[in-house]
């Protein structure tokens, strides 16, 4: 029985080694020029969002500041890490400065709502259902934008906010107050 097994293994080994001797077929292709990609002329486009509370959303490109816009997702660990800092900051924020959240890349608006409710997020939060805000905010989360009273971005912080003092300093630098 043992000899039979050894013989079978030897035959299989020889067959597999003989297959290695065949020359592999080379696959070739051509790179298509990027000019074949259909595009449209750049136009002013609204970037509409929904409101997590179910109310009317806003066009993020038309937000008037001073405003701090924090882009987050419930699936994002760094976003969760900075949330207690934003909650503390919101409690002391100068009332002339808006704090606005934008929930992105969420599985559903209900998932965003549930997360906001469970975490005690009490400032307005928008929901980007189809990823349109990437054109405005760029890729990746968390990112925090500082928008001036004329609607222009004066500063942005890419990555997690690690302390309330850091958030205070960024706000002071952007608006001269916090």
N, C-alpha and C. Protein backbone atom coordinates (compact mmCIF):
# COMPACT_ATOMS: atom_id res chain seq x y z
N UNK A 1 0.83 -1.19 0.00
CA UNK A 1 0.00 0.00 0.00
C UNK A 1 0.87 1.25 0.00
N UNK A 2 1.93 1.23 0.82
CA UNK A 2 2.84 2.36 0.92
C UNK A 2 3.58 2.57 -0.41
N UNK A 3 4.00 1.44 -1.04
CA UNK A 3 4.72 1.55 -2.31
C UNK A 3 3.81 2.12 -3.39
N UNK A 4 2.56 1.74 -3.34
CA UNK A 4 1.60 2.23 -4.31
C UNK A 4 1.44 3.75 -4.18
N UNK A 5 1.37 4.22 -2.96
CA UNK A 5 1.26 5.66 -2.71
C UNK A 5 2.50 6.41 -3.20
N UNK A 6 3.67 5.88 -2.89
CA UNK A 6 4.92 6.52 -3.31
C UNK A 6 4.99 6.55 -4.84
N UNK A 7 4.60 5.47 -5.49
CA UNK A 7 4.62 5.42 -6.96
C UNK A 7 3.66 6.44 -7.56
N UNK A 8 2.47 6.56 -6.97
CA UNK A 8 1.48 7.52 -7.47
C UNK A 8 2.00 8.95 -7.32
N UNK A 9 2.62 9.24 -6.19
CA UNK A 9 3.17 10.58 -5.96
C UNK A 9 4.28 10.87 -6.96
N UNK A 10 5.12 9.87 -7.23
CA UNK A 10 6.22 10.06 -8.18
C UNK A 10 5.69 10.35 -9.58
N UNK A 11 4.65 9.63 -9.99
CA UNK A 11 4.06 9.85 -11.31
C UNK A 11 3.47 11.25 -11.40
N UNK A 12 2.74 11.66 -10.37
CA UNK A 12 2.16 13.01 -10.36
C UNK A 12 3.25 14.08 -10.41
N UNK A 13 4.33 13.85 -9.68
CA UNK A 13 5.43 14.81 -9.67
C UNK A 13 6.05 14.92 -11.05
N UNK A 14 6.28 13.79 -11.72
CA UNK A 14 6.85 13.82 -13.07
C UNK A 14 5.93 14.52 -14.06
N UNK A 15 4.64 14.26 -13.95
CA UNK A 15 3.69 14.92 -14.85
C UNK A 15 3.68 16.43 -14.64
N UNK A 16 3.71 16.86 -13.38
CA UNK A 16 3.68 18.30 -13.11
C UNK A 16 4.96 18.97 -13.57
N UNK A 17 6.10 18.28 -13.43
CA UNK A 17 7.37 18.86 -13.88
C UNK A 17 7.43 18.94 -15.41
N UNK A 18 6.84 17.97 -16.08
CA UNK A 18 6.87 18.01 -17.54
C UNK A 18 6.03 19.16 -18.07
N UNK A 19 4.99 19.54 -17.35
CA UNK A 19 4.17 20.68 -17.77
C UNK A 19 4.93 21.98 -17.64
N UNK A 20 5.89 22.02 -16.73
CA UNK A 20 6.68 23.24 -16.54
C UNK A 20 7.60 23.51 -17.71
N UNK A 21 7.90 22.49 -18.51
CA UNK A 21 8.81 22.67 -19.61
C UNK A 21 8.20 23.40 -20.79
N UNK A 22 6.86 23.49 -20.86
CA UNK A 22 6.23 24.19 -21.97
C UNK A 22 6.44 25.68 -21.85
N UNK A 23 6.62 26.31 -22.98
CA UNK A 23 6.79 27.76 -22.97
C UNK A 23 5.45 28.42 -22.72
N UNK A 24 5.43 29.37 -21.81
CA UNK A 24 4.19 30.08 -21.50
C UNK A 24 3.86 31.02 -22.66
N UNK A 25 2.58 31.09 -22.99
CA UNK A 25 2.16 31.99 -24.05
C UNK A 25 2.25 33.41 -23.53
N UNK A 26 2.81 34.29 -24.31
CA UNK A 26 2.94 35.68 -23.91
C UNK A 26 1.68 36.44 -24.32
N UNK A 27 1.11 37.13 -23.35
CA UNK A 27 -0.09 37.92 -23.60
C UNK A 27 0.34 39.35 -23.86
N UNK A 28 -0.15 39.92 -24.94
CA UNK A 28 0.18 41.31 -25.24
C UNK A 28 -1.11 42.08 -25.47
N UNK A 29 -1.03 43.36 -25.29
CA UNK A 29 -2.18 44.22 -25.52
C UNK A 29 -1.69 45.58 -25.95
N UNK A 30 -2.60 46.48 -26.11
CA UNK A 30 -2.21 47.85 -26.43
C UNK A 30 -2.84 48.77 -25.40
N UNK A 31 -2.14 49.82 -25.08
CA UNK A 31 -2.66 50.82 -24.16
C UNK A 31 -3.48 51.83 -24.94
N UNK A 32 -4.72 51.96 -24.55
CA UNK A 32 -5.60 52.91 -25.24
C UNK A 32 -5.24 54.32 -24.81
N UNK A 33 -5.26 55.27 -25.72
CA UNK A 33 -4.97 56.65 -25.34
C UNK A 33 -6.09 57.21 -24.48
N UNK A 34 -5.73 58.08 -23.56
CA UNK A 34 -6.72 58.68 -22.66
C UNK A 34 -7.65 59.64 -23.37
N UNK A 35 -7.30 60.02 -24.58
CA UNK A 35 -8.19 60.89 -25.35
C UNK A 35 -9.49 60.18 -25.71
N UNK A 36 -9.52 58.87 -25.53
CA UNK A 36 -10.75 58.13 -25.83
C UNK A 36 -11.77 58.21 -24.70
N UNK A 37 -11.38 58.77 -23.57
CA UNK A 37 -12.30 58.91 -22.45
C UNK A 37 -13.24 60.08 -22.72
N UNK A 38 -14.52 59.80 -22.66
CA UNK A 38 -15.53 60.85 -22.91
C UNK A 38 -15.56 61.82 -21.74
N UNK A 39 -15.55 63.10 -22.03
CA UNK A 39 -15.61 64.13 -21.00
C UNK A 39 -16.58 65.22 -21.44
N UNK A 40 -16.95 66.04 -20.47
CA UNK A 40 -17.77 67.21 -20.77
C UNK A 40 -16.99 68.44 -20.37
N UNK A 41 -17.38 69.57 -20.90
CA UNK A 41 -16.74 70.82 -20.52
C UNK A 41 -17.05 71.10 -19.06
N UNK A 42 -16.08 71.69 -18.38
CA UNK A 42 -16.29 72.03 -16.97
C UNK A 42 -17.42 73.04 -16.85
N UNK A 43 -18.32 72.77 -15.95
CA UNK A 43 -19.43 73.68 -15.69
C UNK A 43 -19.56 73.88 -14.20
N UNK A 44 -20.17 75.01 -13.82
CA UNK A 44 -20.49 75.22 -12.41
C UNK A 44 -21.53 74.18 -12.04
N UNK A 45 -21.25 73.42 -11.03
CA UNK A 45 -22.17 72.36 -10.66
C UNK A 45 -22.47 72.45 -9.17
N UNK A 46 -23.73 72.29 -8.84
CA UNK A 46 -24.13 72.25 -7.45
C UNK A 46 -23.73 70.91 -6.86
N UNK A 47 -23.35 70.94 -5.60
CA UNK A 47 -23.01 69.71 -4.90
C UNK A 47 -24.03 69.56 -3.78
N UNK A 48 -25.15 68.96 -4.13
CA UNK A 48 -26.27 68.86 -3.20
C UNK A 48 -26.09 67.70 -2.24
N UNK A 49 -26.49 67.91 -1.02
CA UNK A 49 -26.46 66.88 0.00
C UNK A 49 -27.82 66.80 0.66
N UNK A 50 -28.00 65.78 1.45
CA UNK A 50 -29.20 65.65 2.26
C UNK A 50 -28.81 66.00 3.70
N UNK A 51 -29.79 66.22 4.54
CA UNK A 51 -29.53 66.47 5.95
C UNK A 51 -29.79 65.17 6.71
N UNK A 52 -28.88 64.82 7.63
CA UNK A 52 -29.07 63.59 8.39
C UNK A 52 -30.37 63.58 9.18
N UNK A 53 -30.86 64.75 9.52
CA UNK A 53 -32.10 64.78 10.30
C UNK A 53 -33.34 64.59 9.43
N UNK A 54 -33.17 64.44 8.14
CA UNK A 54 -34.29 64.24 7.25
C UNK A 54 -34.81 65.53 6.65
N UNK A 55 -34.30 66.66 7.10
CA UNK A 55 -34.71 67.95 6.56
C UNK A 55 -34.01 68.25 5.25
N UNK A 56 -34.15 69.48 4.83
CA UNK A 56 -33.58 69.92 3.56
C UNK A 56 -32.06 70.01 3.67
N UNK A 57 -31.36 69.45 2.71
CA UNK A 57 -29.91 69.54 2.66
C UNK A 57 -29.47 70.85 2.04
N UNK A 58 -28.19 70.99 1.83
CA UNK A 58 -27.66 72.22 1.23
C UNK A 58 -26.65 71.87 0.14
N UNK A 59 -26.36 72.86 -0.66
CA UNK A 59 -25.30 72.78 -1.65
C UNK A 59 -24.01 73.14 -0.92
N UNK A 60 -23.11 72.17 -0.72
CA UNK A 60 -21.90 72.44 0.06
C UNK A 60 -21.01 73.50 -0.56
N UNK A 61 -21.11 73.69 -1.86
CA UNK A 61 -20.28 74.70 -2.49
C UNK A 61 -20.77 76.12 -2.18
N UNK A 62 -21.93 76.21 -1.57
CA UNK A 62 -22.49 77.53 -1.25
C UNK A 62 -22.54 77.81 0.24
N UNK A 63 -21.87 77.00 1.05
CA UNK A 63 -21.86 77.25 2.50
C UNK A 63 -21.11 78.53 2.78
N UNK A 64 -21.73 79.39 3.56
CA UNK A 64 -21.13 80.66 3.93
C UNK A 64 -20.60 80.54 5.36
N UNK A 65 -19.42 81.01 5.58
CA UNK A 65 -18.81 80.93 6.90
C UNK A 65 -19.03 82.17 7.72
N UNK A 66 -18.33 82.29 8.80
CA UNK A 66 -17.30 81.33 9.15
C UNK A 66 -17.90 79.98 9.52
N UNK A 67 -17.29 78.95 8.97
CA UNK A 67 -17.78 77.59 9.22
C UNK A 67 -16.61 76.62 9.27
N UNK A 68 -16.77 75.64 10.12
CA UNK A 68 -15.83 74.52 10.20
C UNK A 68 -16.60 73.31 9.68
N UNK A 69 -16.08 72.69 8.65
CA UNK A 69 -16.74 71.53 8.05
C UNK A 69 -15.86 70.31 8.27
N UNK A 70 -16.38 69.36 9.03
CA UNK A 70 -15.66 68.13 9.31
C UNK A 70 -16.27 67.00 8.48
N UNK A 71 -15.45 66.41 7.62
CA UNK A 71 -15.90 65.33 6.74
C UNK A 71 -15.53 64.01 7.42
N UNK A 72 -16.54 63.13 7.60
CA UNK A 72 -16.35 61.92 8.39
C UNK A 72 -17.18 60.77 7.83
N UNK A 73 -16.95 59.59 8.39
CA UNK A 73 -17.77 58.40 8.12
C UNK A 73 -17.79 57.54 9.36
N UNK A 74 -18.89 56.89 9.63
CA UNK A 74 -18.99 56.06 10.84
C UNK A 74 -18.05 54.87 10.79
N UNK A 75 -17.62 54.48 9.62
CA UNK A 75 -16.72 53.35 9.40
C UNK A 75 -15.25 53.74 9.60
N UNK A 76 -14.99 55.04 9.78
CA UNK A 76 -13.63 55.59 9.84
C UNK A 76 -13.14 55.67 11.29
N UNK A 77 -12.16 54.85 11.66
CA UNK A 77 -11.66 54.86 13.04
C UNK A 77 -11.09 56.21 13.45
N UNK A 78 -10.24 56.87 12.64
CA UNK A 78 -9.75 58.19 13.04
C UNK A 78 -10.88 59.20 13.25
N UNK A 79 -11.95 59.08 12.46
CA UNK A 79 -13.11 59.97 12.63
C UNK A 79 -13.74 59.75 14.00
N UNK A 80 -13.85 58.50 14.38
CA UNK A 80 -14.39 58.17 15.70
C UNK A 80 -13.47 58.69 16.80
N UNK A 81 -12.16 58.59 16.58
CA UNK A 81 -11.20 59.05 17.58
C UNK A 81 -11.30 60.55 17.84
N UNK A 82 -11.57 61.34 16.80
CA UNK A 82 -11.62 62.78 16.98
C UNK A 82 -12.99 63.29 17.42
N UNK A 83 -13.99 62.45 17.40
CA UNK A 83 -15.35 62.87 17.73
C UNK A 83 -15.48 63.48 19.13
N UNK A 84 -14.90 62.89 20.19
CA UNK A 84 -15.01 63.53 21.51
C UNK A 84 -14.42 64.94 21.54
N UNK A 85 -13.39 65.18 20.75
CA UNK A 85 -12.78 66.51 20.67
C UNK A 85 -13.76 67.49 20.04
N UNK A 86 -14.41 67.10 18.96
CA UNK A 86 -15.40 67.97 18.32
C UNK A 86 -16.60 68.22 19.23
N UNK A 87 -17.01 67.22 19.99
CA UNK A 87 -18.14 67.40 20.91
C UNK A 87 -17.79 68.43 21.99
N UNK A 88 -16.61 68.33 22.56
CA UNK A 88 -16.18 69.30 23.57
C UNK A 88 -16.03 70.69 22.95
N UNK A 89 -15.45 70.74 21.76
CA UNK A 89 -15.23 72.01 21.07
C UNK A 89 -16.56 72.69 20.74
N UNK A 90 -17.54 71.93 20.29
CA UNK A 90 -18.84 72.49 19.92
C UNK A 90 -19.51 73.15 21.11
N UNK A 91 -19.32 72.60 22.28
CA UNK A 91 -19.93 73.16 23.50
C UNK A 91 -19.39 74.55 23.82
N UNK A 92 -18.17 74.84 23.38
CA UNK A 92 -17.55 76.14 23.69
C UNK A 92 -17.40 77.05 22.47
N UNK A 93 -17.84 76.59 21.32
CA UNK A 93 -17.63 77.31 20.06
C UNK A 93 -18.34 78.65 20.04
N UNK A 94 -17.66 79.67 19.54
CA UNK A 94 -18.25 80.99 19.33
C UNK A 94 -19.50 80.80 18.47
N UNK A 95 -20.65 81.31 18.90
CA UNK A 95 -21.89 81.10 18.15
C UNK A 95 -21.89 81.69 16.74
N UNK A 96 -20.95 82.57 16.43
CA UNK A 96 -20.89 83.11 15.07
C UNK A 96 -20.21 82.15 14.09
N UNK A 97 -19.62 81.07 14.61
CA UNK A 97 -18.95 80.08 13.77
C UNK A 97 -19.82 78.82 13.72
N UNK A 98 -20.10 78.35 12.51
CA UNK A 98 -20.88 77.13 12.35
C UNK A 98 -19.97 75.91 12.37
N UNK A 99 -20.41 74.85 13.01
CA UNK A 99 -19.76 73.55 12.89
C UNK A 99 -20.72 72.67 12.10
N UNK A 100 -20.23 72.10 11.01
CA UNK A 100 -21.05 71.29 10.12
C UNK A 100 -20.31 69.99 9.83
N UNK A 101 -21.00 68.88 9.94
CA UNK A 101 -20.43 67.60 9.57
C UNK A 101 -20.93 67.17 8.21
N UNK A 102 -20.10 66.42 7.50
CA UNK A 102 -20.52 65.83 6.23
C UNK A 102 -20.17 64.34 6.29
N UNK A 103 -21.19 63.51 6.33
CA UNK A 103 -21.05 62.06 6.40
C UNK A 103 -20.89 61.53 4.97
N UNK A 104 -19.78 60.86 4.71
CA UNK A 104 -19.49 60.37 3.36
C UNK A 104 -19.27 58.85 3.35
N UNK A 105 -19.46 58.28 2.19
CA UNK A 105 -19.16 56.87 1.94
C UNK A 105 -19.86 55.94 2.93
N UNK A 106 -21.03 56.34 3.35
CA UNK A 106 -21.83 55.55 4.30
C UNK A 106 -22.69 54.57 3.53
N UNK A 107 -23.03 53.44 4.13
CA UNK A 107 -23.86 52.46 3.45
C UNK A 107 -25.27 52.98 3.21
N UNK A 108 -25.76 53.82 4.11
CA UNK A 108 -27.10 54.40 3.95
C UNK A 108 -27.23 55.61 4.87
N UNK A 109 -28.21 56.45 4.58
CA UNK A 109 -28.45 57.61 5.43
C UNK A 109 -28.86 57.16 6.83
N UNK A 110 -29.56 56.03 6.91
CA UNK A 110 -29.96 55.51 8.22
C UNK A 110 -28.77 55.10 9.06
N UNK A 111 -27.72 54.55 8.43
CA UNK A 111 -26.51 54.19 9.16
C UNK A 111 -25.85 55.45 9.73
N UNK A 112 -25.82 56.52 8.93
CA UNK A 112 -25.27 57.79 9.41
C UNK A 112 -26.08 58.38 10.54
N UNK A 113 -27.40 58.34 10.40
CA UNK A 113 -28.29 58.84 11.46
C UNK A 113 -28.08 58.07 12.75
N UNK A 114 -28.06 56.75 12.64
CA UNK A 114 -27.89 55.90 13.82
C UNK A 114 -26.58 56.24 14.54
N UNK A 115 -25.51 56.36 13.77
CA UNK A 115 -24.21 56.68 14.36
C UNK A 115 -24.25 58.04 15.05
N UNK A 116 -24.78 59.05 14.37
CA UNK A 116 -24.84 60.40 14.95
C UNK A 116 -25.65 60.40 16.24
N UNK A 117 -26.76 59.68 16.25
CA UNK A 117 -27.58 59.61 17.45
C UNK A 117 -26.86 58.88 18.58
N UNK A 118 -26.26 57.75 18.28
CA UNK A 118 -25.55 56.97 19.30
C UNK A 118 -24.37 57.73 19.88
N UNK A 119 -23.72 58.54 19.06
CA UNK A 119 -22.53 59.27 19.50
C UNK A 119 -22.85 60.63 20.10
N UNK A 120 -24.09 61.05 20.05
CA UNK A 120 -24.46 62.33 20.63
C UNK A 120 -23.99 63.53 19.83
N UNK A 121 -23.91 63.37 18.52
CA UNK A 121 -23.52 64.49 17.66
C UNK A 121 -24.71 65.45 17.59
N UNK A 122 -24.48 66.69 18.00
CA UNK A 122 -25.61 67.63 18.10
C UNK A 122 -25.53 68.81 17.14
N UNK A 123 -24.54 68.86 16.29
CA UNK A 123 -24.43 69.93 15.29
C UNK A 123 -24.98 69.41 13.96
N UNK A 124 -25.31 70.31 13.04
CA UNK A 124 -25.88 69.88 11.76
C UNK A 124 -24.92 68.98 10.99
N UNK A 125 -25.47 67.92 10.42
CA UNK A 125 -24.68 66.99 9.62
C UNK A 125 -25.38 66.71 8.30
N UNK A 126 -24.62 66.83 7.24
CA UNK A 126 -25.10 66.55 5.89
C UNK A 126 -24.73 65.12 5.52
N UNK A 127 -25.43 64.58 4.55
CA UNK A 127 -25.18 63.23 4.08
C UNK A 127 -24.92 63.27 2.58
N UNK A 128 -23.77 62.76 2.19
CA UNK A 128 -23.41 62.70 0.77
C UNK A 128 -23.73 61.30 0.26
N UNK A 129 -24.89 61.16 -0.34
CA UNK A 129 -25.37 59.85 -0.80
C UNK A 129 -24.53 59.27 -1.93
N UNK A 130 -24.08 60.12 -2.85
CA UNK A 130 -23.45 59.58 -4.05
C UNK A 130 -22.01 60.04 -4.28
N UNK A 131 -21.36 60.55 -3.26
CA UNK A 131 -19.94 60.90 -3.38
C UNK A 131 -19.64 62.20 -4.11
N UNK A 132 -20.64 63.04 -4.34
CA UNK A 132 -20.42 64.31 -5.06
C UNK A 132 -19.46 65.24 -4.33
N UNK A 133 -19.44 65.17 -3.00
CA UNK A 133 -18.61 66.13 -2.26
C UNK A 133 -17.12 65.90 -2.47
N UNK A 134 -16.75 64.76 -3.02
CA UNK A 134 -15.33 64.53 -3.32
C UNK A 134 -14.78 65.61 -4.23
N UNK A 135 -15.62 66.09 -5.14
CA UNK A 135 -15.20 67.16 -6.05
C UNK A 135 -14.88 68.44 -5.28
N UNK A 136 -15.51 68.62 -4.16
CA UNK A 136 -15.33 69.84 -3.36
C UNK A 136 -14.28 69.63 -2.27
N UNK A 137 -14.41 68.55 -1.50
CA UNK A 137 -13.53 68.31 -0.35
C UNK A 137 -12.31 67.48 -0.66
N UNK A 138 -12.31 66.77 -1.76
CA UNK A 138 -11.20 65.89 -2.08
C UNK A 138 -11.40 64.51 -1.46
N UNK A 139 -10.40 63.70 -1.58
CA UNK A 139 -10.49 62.31 -1.13
C UNK A 139 -10.07 62.19 0.32
N UNK A 140 -10.54 61.14 0.93
CA UNK A 140 -10.08 60.77 2.26
C UNK A 140 -10.81 61.44 3.40
N UNK A 141 -10.84 60.76 4.51
CA UNK A 141 -11.40 61.26 5.76
C UNK A 141 -10.49 60.82 6.90
N UNK A 142 -10.48 61.49 7.97
CA UNK A 142 -11.17 62.76 8.19
C UNK A 142 -10.41 63.92 7.56
N UNK A 143 -11.17 64.94 7.22
CA UNK A 143 -10.60 66.20 6.77
C UNK A 143 -11.49 67.30 7.34
N UNK A 144 -10.87 68.39 7.77
CA UNK A 144 -11.61 69.50 8.36
C UNK A 144 -11.28 70.77 7.59
N UNK A 145 -12.34 71.42 7.12
CA UNK A 145 -12.22 72.64 6.32
C UNK A 145 -12.65 73.84 7.14
N UNK A 146 -12.02 74.96 6.88
CA UNK A 146 -12.36 76.22 7.53
C UNK A 146 -12.77 77.18 6.41
N UNK A 147 -14.04 77.59 6.42
CA UNK A 147 -14.63 78.39 5.35
C UNK A 147 -14.87 79.81 5.85
N UNK A 148 -14.42 80.80 5.08
CA UNK A 148 -14.57 82.21 5.46
C UNK A 148 -15.99 82.70 5.22
N UNK A 149 -16.27 83.92 5.67
CA UNK A 149 -17.61 84.48 5.52
C UNK A 149 -18.00 84.70 4.06
N UNK A 150 -17.03 84.76 3.16
CA UNK A 150 -17.36 84.89 1.74
C UNK A 150 -17.40 83.53 1.03
N UNK A 151 -17.39 82.45 1.82
CA UNK A 151 -17.53 81.11 1.26
C UNK A 151 -16.27 80.48 0.72
N UNK A 152 -15.13 81.09 0.96
CA UNK A 152 -13.86 80.56 0.46
C UNK A 152 -13.17 79.73 1.55
N UNK A 153 -12.48 78.69 1.11
CA UNK A 153 -11.71 77.88 2.03
C UNK A 153 -10.46 78.65 2.45
N UNK A 154 -10.31 78.88 3.76
CA UNK A 154 -9.14 79.60 4.24
C UNK A 154 -8.08 78.66 4.78
N UNK A 155 -8.50 77.46 5.13
CA UNK A 155 -7.57 76.49 5.68
C UNK A 155 -8.22 75.12 5.65
N UNK A 156 -7.38 74.09 5.64
CA UNK A 156 -7.90 72.74 5.81
C UNK A 156 -6.88 71.90 6.56
N UNK A 157 -7.41 70.95 7.31
CA UNK A 157 -6.56 70.03 8.05
C UNK A 157 -6.89 68.63 7.56
N UNK A 158 -5.91 67.96 6.99
CA UNK A 158 -6.11 66.60 6.51
C UNK A 158 -5.64 65.65 7.61
N UNK A 159 -6.51 64.73 7.97
CA UNK A 159 -6.17 63.76 9.01
C UNK A 159 -6.90 64.06 10.30
N UNK A 160 -6.60 63.23 11.29
CA UNK A 160 -7.30 63.29 12.56
C UNK A 160 -6.88 64.52 13.38
N UNK A 161 -7.84 65.15 14.03
CA UNK A 161 -7.58 66.20 15.02
C UNK A 161 -7.26 65.45 16.31
N UNK A 162 -6.11 65.72 16.91
CA UNK A 162 -5.66 64.91 18.04
C UNK A 162 -5.92 65.53 19.41
N UNK A 163 -6.27 66.82 19.45
CA UNK A 163 -6.53 67.44 20.75
C UNK A 163 -7.44 68.66 20.57
N UNK A 164 -8.09 69.02 21.63
CA UNK A 164 -8.94 70.22 21.58
C UNK A 164 -8.08 71.46 21.36
N UNK A 165 -6.89 71.48 21.92
CA UNK A 165 -6.00 72.63 21.70
C UNK A 165 -5.62 72.77 20.23
N UNK A 166 -5.40 71.66 19.56
CA UNK A 166 -5.11 71.72 18.13
C UNK A 166 -6.29 72.32 17.37
N UNK A 167 -7.50 71.89 17.69
CA UNK A 167 -8.69 72.41 17.01
C UNK A 167 -8.89 73.89 17.32
N UNK A 168 -8.65 74.28 18.55
CA UNK A 168 -8.74 75.70 18.92
C UNK A 168 -7.74 76.53 18.12
N UNK A 169 -6.50 76.04 18.03
CA UNK A 169 -5.45 76.78 17.31
C UNK A 169 -5.78 76.89 15.82
N UNK A 170 -6.26 75.82 15.22
CA UNK A 170 -6.63 75.86 13.80
C UNK A 170 -7.76 76.87 13.57
N UNK A 171 -8.72 76.90 14.48
CA UNK A 171 -9.85 77.82 14.36
C UNK A 171 -9.39 79.26 14.54
N UNK A 172 -8.55 79.50 15.53
CA UNK A 172 -8.01 80.84 15.79
C UNK A 172 -7.22 81.33 14.58
N UNK A 173 -6.43 80.45 14.01
CA UNK A 173 -5.63 80.81 12.84
C UNK A 173 -6.53 81.15 11.64
N UNK A 174 -7.60 80.40 11.47
CA UNK A 174 -8.49 80.60 10.32
C UNK A 174 -9.37 81.83 10.47
N UNK A 175 -9.89 82.06 11.69
CA UNK A 175 -10.92 83.10 11.87
C UNK A 175 -10.54 84.20 12.85
N UNK A 176 -9.43 84.06 13.56
CA UNK A 176 -9.06 85.06 14.56
C UNK A 176 -9.87 84.94 15.83
N UNK A 177 -10.69 83.92 15.95
CA UNK A 177 -11.48 83.66 17.16
C UNK A 177 -11.81 82.18 17.19
N UNK A 178 -12.35 81.76 18.32
CA UNK A 178 -12.73 80.36 18.42
C UNK A 178 -13.99 80.22 19.20
